[in-house]
Protein backbone atom coordinates (compact mmCIF):
# COMPACT_ATOMS: atom_id res chain seq x y z
CA MET A 1 217.96 34.60 175.72
CA ARG A 2 219.04 30.68 176.58
CA LYS A 3 216.20 30.51 179.35
CA LEU A 4 213.35 31.96 176.44
CA LYS A 5 214.74 29.13 174.38
CA ASN A 6 214.40 26.66 177.16
CA ILE A 7 210.84 27.59 178.16
CA LEU A 8 210.01 28.08 173.73
CA LEU A 9 211.26 24.31 173.59
CA LEU A 10 209.27 23.11 176.85
CA PHE A 11 206.01 25.37 176.04
CA SER A 12 206.83 23.20 172.55
CA MET A 13 206.89 20.40 173.74
CA LEU A 14 203.83 20.18 175.99
CA PHE A 15 201.80 21.70 173.10
CA VAL A 16 202.70 18.45 170.91
CA ILE A 17 202.07 16.31 173.80
CA LEU A 18 198.72 17.72 174.84
CA LEU A 19 197.79 17.66 170.75
CA ALA A 20 199.00 14.06 170.34
CA SER A 21 197.18 13.17 173.77
CA ALA A 22 193.79 14.65 172.73
CA CYS A 23 193.81 12.80 169.09
CA SER A 24 194.14 9.84 170.51
CA MET A 25 191.65 10.17 172.73
CA LYS A 26 189.29 11.23 170.14
CA LYS A 27 187.18 8.34 169.34
CA GLY A 28 185.16 8.18 165.72
CA ASN A 29 181.14 8.57 165.60
CA PRO A 30 179.33 5.82 166.60
CA THR A 31 177.62 3.18 164.63
CA LYS A 32 174.71 0.93 164.68
CA SER A 33 174.48 -1.90 162.20
CA TYR A 34 170.84 -3.49 161.45
CA GLU A 35 170.25 -7.02 159.88
CA LEU A 36 167.93 -8.63 157.36
CA LEU A 37 167.68 -12.44 156.49
CA ILE A 38 165.18 -13.43 153.75
CA ASN A 39 165.77 -16.62 152.42
CA ASP A 40 169.27 -16.84 151.21
CA SER A 41 169.89 -13.28 151.26
CA LYS A 42 171.05 -10.67 153.75
CA VAL A 43 171.46 -7.11 154.03
CA VAL A 44 173.69 -5.50 156.76
CA ILE A 45 172.96 -1.46 157.39
CA THR A 46 175.32 -0.04 159.32
CA TYR A 47 174.93 3.95 159.99
CA THR A 48 177.24 5.71 161.49
CA TYR A 49 176.21 8.95 162.83
CA THR A 50 176.42 11.84 165.57
CA GLU A 51 176.50 10.97 169.11
CA LYS A 52 174.42 14.06 170.66
CA GLU A 53 171.82 14.86 167.76
CA GLU A 54 172.27 11.01 166.23
CA LYS A 55 172.66 12.85 162.99
CA VAL A 56 172.68 10.17 160.29
CA LEU A 57 176.66 11.11 158.68
CA LYS A 58 177.17 7.37 156.70
CA GLU A 59 175.16 4.74 155.33
CA LYS A 60 176.76 1.28 154.70
CA VAL A 61 175.20 -1.33 153.01
CA LYS A 62 176.54 -5.03 152.39
CA SER A 63 173.74 -7.20 150.45
CA THR A 64 174.64 -10.66 149.72
CA PHE A 65 172.08 -12.59 147.84
CA LYS A 66 172.35 -15.84 145.87
CA TYR A 67 171.19 -16.19 142.14
CA SER A 68 168.53 -18.82 143.03
CA SER A 69 166.85 -15.58 144.78
CA TYR A 70 166.19 -14.45 141.54
CA SER A 71 164.00 -16.69 140.41
CA GLY A 72 163.26 -17.18 136.73
CA LEU A 73 166.22 -15.04 135.36
CA LYS A 74 169.51 -16.69 134.15
CA GLU A 75 173.22 -15.63 135.89
CA ASN A 76 174.19 -13.51 133.00
CA GLU A 77 171.04 -11.06 133.06
CA ILE A 78 171.36 -11.01 136.41
CA LYS A 79 174.37 -9.69 136.46
CA LYS A 80 173.73 -7.27 133.98
CA ILE A 81 171.08 -5.94 135.59
CA VAL A 82 173.12 -5.46 138.96
CA ASN A 83 175.67 -4.12 136.66
CA GLU A 84 173.54 -1.46 135.20
CA VAL A 85 172.09 -0.36 138.50
CA VAL A 86 175.36 -0.06 140.36
CA GLY A 87 176.67 2.11 137.33
CA LYS A 88 173.46 4.45 137.99
CA ILE A 89 174.37 4.69 141.45
CA GLN A 90 178.18 5.24 141.05
CA ALA A 91 176.97 8.36 138.76
CA ILE A 92 175.36 10.15 142.13
CA ASP A 93 177.64 12.22 144.15
CA GLY A 94 178.44 10.74 147.62
CA ILE A 95 177.81 7.25 146.63
CA LYS A 96 180.21 4.18 146.37
CA ALA A 97 178.67 1.38 144.91
CA SER A 98 180.69 -2.30 144.30
CA VAL A 99 179.73 -5.29 143.30
CA GLU A 100 181.42 -8.59 143.67
CA PHE A 101 180.23 -11.75 141.33
CA LYS A 102 180.56 -14.76 143.39
CA ASP A 103 180.28 -18.36 142.03
CA ASP A 104 177.00 -18.78 144.13
CA GLY A 105 176.28 -15.40 143.83
CA ILE A 106 176.60 -11.67 144.85
CA ILE A 107 177.79 -9.34 147.22
CA GLU A 108 176.99 -5.59 146.90
CA ASP A 109 178.30 -3.04 148.81
CA ILE A 110 176.57 0.48 148.79
CA GLU A 111 178.01 3.64 151.54
CA LEU A 112 176.36 6.87 151.17
CA ASP A 113 177.88 10.04 152.57
CA PHE A 114 175.03 12.19 153.91
CA GLU A 115 177.29 15.35 154.23
CA LYS A 116 177.82 14.73 150.39
CA LEU A 117 174.98 13.45 149.12
CA ASP A 118 173.00 14.64 145.97
CA TYR A 119 169.99 14.31 147.18
CA LYS A 120 167.82 15.34 143.87
CA LYS A 121 169.64 12.38 142.25
CA SER A 122 169.78 10.14 144.67
CA ASN A 123 165.46 9.89 145.31
CA GLU A 124 165.44 8.94 141.40
CA PHE A 125 166.01 5.37 142.80
CA ASN A 126 163.65 3.85 145.25
CA ARG A 127 165.85 2.46 147.75
CA LEU A 128 164.72 -0.94 149.39
CA TYR A 129 164.52 0.24 153.35
CA PHE A 130 163.49 3.91 153.12
CA THR A 131 160.29 5.13 152.23
CA GLY A 132 160.01 8.75 151.35
CA GLU A 133 162.15 11.07 150.17
CA LEU A 134 165.49 12.08 151.13
CA LYS A 135 165.38 15.98 151.27
CA SER A 136 168.87 16.76 153.11
CA ASN A 137 171.67 15.83 155.46
CA ASN A 138 169.25 16.37 158.46
CA VAL A 139 168.30 12.61 158.46
CA THR A 140 168.27 11.08 162.38
CA LEU A 141 169.33 8.08 162.96
CA LYS A 142 165.60 7.22 164.91
CA GLU A 143 163.89 7.44 161.60
CA MET A 144 165.58 5.39 159.69
CA GLU A 145 166.17 2.98 162.66
CA THR A 146 162.04 2.65 163.16
CA GLN A 147 162.03 2.40 158.79
CA LEU A 148 164.17 -0.53 159.04
CA LEU A 149 162.45 -2.43 161.91
CA GLN A 150 159.27 -1.79 160.75
CA MET A 151 160.59 -3.65 157.43
CA GLY A 152 161.69 -7.01 159.60
CA PHE A 153 165.48 -5.69 160.26
CA LYS A 154 166.61 -6.76 163.69
CA LYS A 155 169.44 -4.43 165.39
CA ILE A 156 172.97 -6.72 165.74
CA GLU A 157 173.85 -5.82 169.44
CA GLU A 158 177.45 -4.71 169.70
CA LYS A 159 179.99 -7.56 171.42
CA LYS A 160 181.42 -5.98 174.64
């Protein structure tokens, strides 16, 4: 009986070690980032995707705008418009959005989770960098990259 307990203990320990090493070896999904600079504005889009099919899982957009890039509008008008848009975006399932107002401009963060996204509602908003309609969570990195490059985005090379 004691030998059986030792064998079970040994197998349990091996299982825990195997599980721990498998979890530590598993790397996250790869990402690729693209950047667009226009005057005093900067947009960085980062895609998280599956390695094999290059299916886009998430998209993170970080936009930085100077108030001066909104010509003809006062700062309080700009803040009101941006808050309204962000509020509407936040109401869509699968999208997280936040905005930070600085002294000289705006920092806007938007994250789309393509596996949780309400595609019907999201298509009601025209997105700056995607022409066409999102129909399902089968968007590929190649599709997105093609459109971004056509719009003037540059791929950010990974540092090794």
